[in-house]
Protein backbone atom coordinates (compact mmCIF):
# COMPACT_ATOMS: atom_id res chain seq x y z
CA MET A 1 -79.99 -4.55 -113.35
CA SER A 2 -83.26 -5.87 -111.98
CA LEU A 3 -84.28 -7.65 -108.72
CA GLU A 4 -87.63 -9.50 -108.53
CA ALA A 5 -89.43 -11.31 -105.78
CA VAL A 6 -92.57 -13.33 -106.66
CA GLY A 7 -94.91 -15.12 -104.36
CA ASP A 8 -97.98 -17.37 -104.83
CA ALA A 9 -100.99 -15.00 -104.67
CA LEU A 10 -103.47 -17.81 -104.37
CA GLY A 11 -101.46 -19.60 -101.64
CA ASN A 12 -101.39 -22.95 -103.34
CA SER A 13 -97.59 -23.52 -103.14
CA LYS A 14 -96.85 -20.85 -100.56
CA GLY A 15 -93.53 -20.68 -102.35
CA ARG A 16 -91.43 -17.81 -103.53
CA ILE A 17 -89.03 -17.09 -106.44
CA PHE A 18 -86.26 -14.46 -106.30
CA SER A 19 -84.32 -13.34 -109.35
CA LEU A 20 -81.42 -11.06 -110.04
CA GLN A 21 -80.71 -10.16 -113.67
CA TYR A 22 -78.30 -7.91 -115.56
CA GLU A 23 -78.79 -6.88 -119.08
CA LYS A 24 -77.06 -4.43 -121.43
CA ARG A 25 -78.53 -3.01 -124.58
CA PHE A 26 -76.42 -2.31 -127.62
CA ASP A 27 -77.91 -0.22 -130.42
CA PHE A 28 -76.95 -0.57 -134.08
CA GLY A 29 -79.24 1.80 -135.95
CA ASP A 30 -82.67 0.13 -136.11
CA LEU A 31 -81.33 -3.06 -134.60
CA ALA A 32 -80.79 -3.47 -130.81
CA VAL A 33 -79.15 -6.43 -129.25
CA THR A 34 -79.54 -7.10 -125.48
CA PRO A 35 -77.67 -9.89 -123.81
CA ARG A 36 -78.56 -10.85 -120.26
CA LEU A 37 -77.37 -12.96 -117.43
CA GLY A 38 -79.48 -13.91 -114.37
CA LEU A 39 -79.76 -15.96 -111.25
CA ARG A 40 -83.03 -17.31 -110.00
CA GLY A 41 -83.68 -18.86 -106.63
CA ALA A 42 -86.72 -20.92 -105.77
CA ASP A 43 -87.50 -21.76 -102.17
CA ARG A 44 -88.22 -25.27 -100.84
CA LYS A 45 -91.97 -24.86 -100.86
CA TYR A 46 -91.95 -23.69 -104.53
CA VAL A 47 -89.74 -26.62 -105.74
CA ASP A 48 -91.62 -29.22 -103.60
CA TYR A 49 -94.97 -28.02 -104.92
CA TYR A 50 -94.09 -28.02 -108.60
CA PHE A 51 -91.50 -30.75 -108.76
CA GLY A 52 -92.11 -32.95 -105.75
CA VAL A 53 -93.98 -36.20 -105.84
CA ARG A 54 -96.08 -37.10 -102.69
CA ALA A 55 -96.41 -40.70 -101.58
CA PRO A 56 -99.96 -41.16 -102.91
CA GLU A 57 -98.77 -39.96 -106.31
CA ALA A 58 -95.72 -42.26 -106.46
CA THR A 59 -95.71 -45.17 -108.83
CA ALA A 60 -93.05 -47.80 -109.77
CA LEU A 61 -91.71 -45.39 -112.48
CA ARG A 62 -92.24 -42.22 -110.47
CA PRO A 63 -90.82 -42.51 -106.93
CA ALA A 64 -91.79 -40.12 -104.11
CA TYR A 65 -89.63 -36.98 -104.10
CA ILE A 66 -89.41 -34.10 -101.71
CA GLY A 67 -88.07 -30.86 -103.34
CA ASP A 68 -85.54 -28.47 -101.79
CA SER A 69 -84.57 -24.89 -102.60
CA ALA A 70 -82.71 -24.45 -105.93
CA THR A 71 -80.64 -21.82 -107.66
CA GLN A 72 -80.78 -21.61 -111.39
CA THR A 73 -78.75 -19.65 -113.91
CA GLU A 74 -80.08 -18.04 -117.07
CA VAL A 75 -78.50 -16.52 -120.17
CA GLY A 76 -80.52 -14.85 -122.85
CA LEU A 77 -80.44 -12.62 -125.89
CA ARG A 78 -83.18 -10.28 -127.01
CA LEU A 79 -83.09 -8.75 -130.57
CA THR A 80 -85.35 -5.90 -131.57
CA TYR A 81 -85.64 -4.29 -135.03
CA ALA A 82 -87.56 -1.09 -135.61
CA THR A 83 -89.70 -1.50 -138.72
CA GLY A 84 -91.39 1.89 -138.38
CA LYS A 85 -91.85 4.85 -136.04
CA ASN A 86 -94.29 2.97 -133.75
CA GLU A 87 -93.58 -0.64 -134.46
CA MET A 88 -90.85 -3.29 -134.09
CA LEU A 89 -90.13 -6.98 -134.53
CA PHE A 90 -88.57 -8.79 -131.66
CA ALA A 91 -87.12 -12.16 -130.71
CA ASP A 92 -85.91 -13.43 -127.36
CA LEU A 93 -83.89 -16.53 -126.88
CA SER A 94 -82.96 -17.92 -123.43
CA GLY A 95 -81.50 -20.94 -121.78
CA MET A 96 -81.70 -21.86 -118.13
CA LYS A 97 -79.67 -24.42 -116.18
CA LEU A 98 -82.05 -25.89 -113.64
CA GLY A 99 -80.96 -26.20 -110.02
CA ARG A 100 -79.96 -29.67 -108.77
CA PRO A 101 -83.11 -30.18 -106.62
CA VAL A 102 -85.27 -29.53 -109.77
CA GLU A 103 -82.99 -31.82 -111.90
CA ASN A 104 -83.34 -34.61 -109.41
CA SER A 105 -87.11 -34.66 -109.51
CA PRO A 106 -88.61 -37.73 -111.22
CA LEU A 107 -90.92 -35.32 -113.15
CA VAL A 108 -87.91 -33.67 -114.89
CA ASP A 109 -85.87 -35.30 -117.65
CA ARG A 110 -83.61 -32.47 -118.62
CA ARG A 111 -80.93 -30.31 -116.95
CA TYR A 112 -81.62 -27.29 -119.14
CA GLN A 113 -84.67 -25.36 -120.28
CA ALA A 114 -84.63 -23.37 -123.51
CA SER A 115 -87.20 -20.87 -124.87
CA VAL A 116 -87.73 -18.70 -127.91
CA PHE A 117 -90.29 -15.92 -127.99
CA ALA A 118 -90.94 -13.71 -131.02
CA GLY A 119 -93.41 -11.16 -132.04
CA TRP A 120 -94.42 -7.78 -133.46
CA LEU A 121 -95.10 -4.77 -131.25
CA TYR A 122 -97.04 -1.62 -132.22
CA ARG A 123 -97.04 1.32 -129.88
CA VAL A 124 -99.80 3.88 -129.99
């Protein structure tokens, strides 16, 4: 279980993100499977800064939009495979359902966000 709070260190958006995530690892010899489920909240300032459209930025195809706070849900799966004593291969797949205030932004054309991350890790 993890709880995270993130703020804008440079002060550009003055927004904050909060996330709560639960994950459980299952080991099968050299292979480990870790499913996770999470909730992520973005405050009004964050959503408005990244997904809002100010009046001077608006066009006929991109209307002005003021963002509001949003709650998003995420599901994910991480796979790790030990290839040696100090190394492993890993892959992480995740999907996030965007919150309605983000979905409604004229800058966004999808309701879901998917990602895949893979790599090789060597520990000294």
